[in-house]
């Protein structure tokens, strides 16, 4: 699972939408539009499925790896 992200159209800053999903579930989602209050610029942005990407968490380091 990863965080669904958009870019602030004003600053270009990546913004988490607060949605967690995986790519296969996202692929099954119909087109949509939503709004978000942007922490980067303070504005409100309309975003759609075509604007997003999934930011996967970094894998944890294996403490047993040589």
C-alpha atoms as a PDB file:
ATOM      1  CA  UNK A   1       0.000   0.000   0.000  1.00  0.00           C
ATOM      2  CA  UNK A   2       1.151   3.478  -0.772  1.00  0.00           C
ATOM      3  CA  UNK A   3       0.024   7.071  -0.438  1.00  0.00           C
ATOM      4  CA  UNK A   4      -1.945   8.640  -3.284  1.00  0.00           C
ATOM      5  CA  UNK A   5      -0.126  11.858  -4.189  1.00  0.00           C
ATOM      6  CA  UNK A   6      -0.747  14.942  -6.325  1.00  0.00           C
ATOM      7  CA  UNK A   7       1.486  17.899  -7.197  1.00  0.00           C
ATOM      8  CA  UNK A   8       0.600  21.417  -6.107  1.00  0.00           C
ATOM      9  CA  UNK A   9       0.070  23.257  -9.412  1.00  0.00           C
ATOM     10  CA  UNK A  10       1.481  26.448  -7.851  1.00  0.00           C
ATOM     11  CA  UNK A  11       4.659  25.164  -6.154  1.00  0.00           C
ATOM     12  CA  UNK A  12       5.110  21.707  -7.694  1.00  0.00           C
ATOM     13  CA  UNK A  13       5.360  20.244  -4.191  1.00  0.00           C
ATOM     14  CA  UNK A  14       4.170  16.627  -3.837  1.00  0.00           C
ATOM     15  CA  UNK A  15       1.033  16.560  -1.658  1.00  0.00           C
ATOM     16  CA  UNK A  16      -0.418  13.438   0.017  1.00  0.00           C
ATOM     17  CA  UNK A  17      -4.185  13.161  -0.453  1.00  0.00           C
ATOM     18  CA  UNK A  18      -4.712  11.101   2.692  1.00  0.00           C
ATOM     19  CA  UNK A  19      -5.695   8.067   0.609  1.00  0.00           C
ATOM     20  CA  UNK A  20      -3.772   4.795   0.899  1.00  0.00           C
ATOM     21  CA  UNK A  21      -4.128   2.154  -1.838  1.00  0.00           C
ATOM     22  CA  UNK A  22      -2.220  -0.079  -4.204  1.00  0.00           C
ATOM     23  CA  UNK A  23      -1.856   0.210  -7.970  1.00  0.00           C
ATOM     24  CA  UNK A  24      -4.164  -2.713  -8.787  1.00  0.00           C
ATOM     25  CA  UNK A  25      -6.997  -1.199  -6.707  1.00  0.00           C
ATOM     26  CA  UNK A  26      -6.378   2.216  -8.252  1.00  0.00           C
ATOM     27  CA  UNK A  27      -6.543   0.705 -11.733  1.00  0.00           C
ATOM     28  CA  UNK A  28     -10.069  -0.568 -10.953  1.00  0.00           C
ATOM     29  CA  UNK A  29     -11.263   2.857  -9.759  1.00  0.00           C
ATOM     30  CA  UNK A  30     -13.431   4.760 -12.260  1.00  0.00           C
ATOM     31  CA  UNK A  31     -12.447   8.294 -13.253  1.00  0.00           C
ATOM     32  CA  UNK A  32     -13.229  10.880 -10.568  1.00  0.00           C
ATOM     33  CA  UNK A  33     -12.523  14.439  -9.429  1.00  0.00           C
ATOM     34  CA  UNK A  34     -11.873  15.647  -5.900  1.00  0.00           C
ATOM     35  CA  UNK A  35     -10.745  18.763  -4.019  1.00  0.00           C
ATOM     36  CA  UNK A  36      -7.973  19.262  -1.497  1.00  0.00           C
ATOM     37  CA  UNK A  37      -6.816  22.129   0.711  1.00  0.00           C
ATOM     38  CA  UNK A  38      -3.144  22.423  -0.212  1.00  0.00           C
ATOM     39  CA  UNK A  39      -0.618  22.608   2.641  1.00  0.00           C
ATOM     40  CA  UNK A  40       2.041  23.899   0.219  1.00  0.00           C
ATOM     41  CA  UNK A  41       0.311  27.053  -1.077  1.00  0.00           C
ATOM     42  CA  UNK A  42      -2.842  27.323   1.039  1.00  0.00           C
ATOM     43  CA  UNK A  43      -5.128  27.155  -1.985  1.00  0.00           C
ATOM     44  CA  UNK A  44      -7.764  24.625  -2.901  1.00  0.00           C
ATOM     45  CA  UNK A  45      -7.038  22.360  -5.841  1.00  0.00           C
ATOM     46  CA  UNK A  46      -9.295  20.147  -7.922  1.00  0.00           C
ATOM     47  CA  UNK A  47      -7.580  16.917  -8.883  1.00  0.00           C
ATOM     48  CA  UNK A  48      -8.564  13.791 -10.768  1.00  0.00           C
ATOM     49  CA  UNK A  49      -7.426  10.228 -11.222  1.00  0.00           C
ATOM     50  CA  UNK A  50      -5.202  11.327 -14.110  1.00  0.00           C
ATOM     51  CA  UNK A  51      -3.269  13.687 -11.765  1.00  0.00           C
ATOM     52  CA  UNK A  52      -2.195  11.147  -9.159  1.00  0.00           C
ATOM     53  CA  UNK A  53       0.556   8.681  -8.481  1.00  0.00           C
ATOM     54  CA  UNK A  54       1.235   6.222  -5.667  1.00  0.00           C
ATOM     55  CA  UNK A  55       4.212   6.848  -3.428  1.00  0.00           C
ATOM     56  CA  UNK A  56       5.267   3.446  -2.153  1.00  0.00           C
ATOM     57  CA  UNK A  57       6.931   3.338   1.273  1.00  0.00           C
ATOM     58  CA  UNK A  58      10.653   2.621   1.337  1.00  0.00           C
ATOM     59  CA  UNK A  59      11.355  -1.028   2.099  1.00  0.00           C
ATOM     60  CA  UNK A  60      12.787  -1.610   5.533  1.00  0.00           C
ATOM     61  CA  UNK A  61      16.455  -2.511   5.582  1.00  0.00           C
ATOM     62  CA  UNK A  62      17.113  -6.177   6.260  1.00  0.00           C
ATOM     63  CA  UNK A  63      19.175  -6.296   9.475  1.00  0.00           C
ATOM     64  CA  UNK A  64      20.332  -9.808   8.499  1.00  0.00           C
ATOM     65  CA  UNK A  65      21.713  -8.791   5.118  1.00  0.00           C
ATOM     66  CA  UNK A  66      25.456  -9.015   4.776  1.00  0.00           C
END
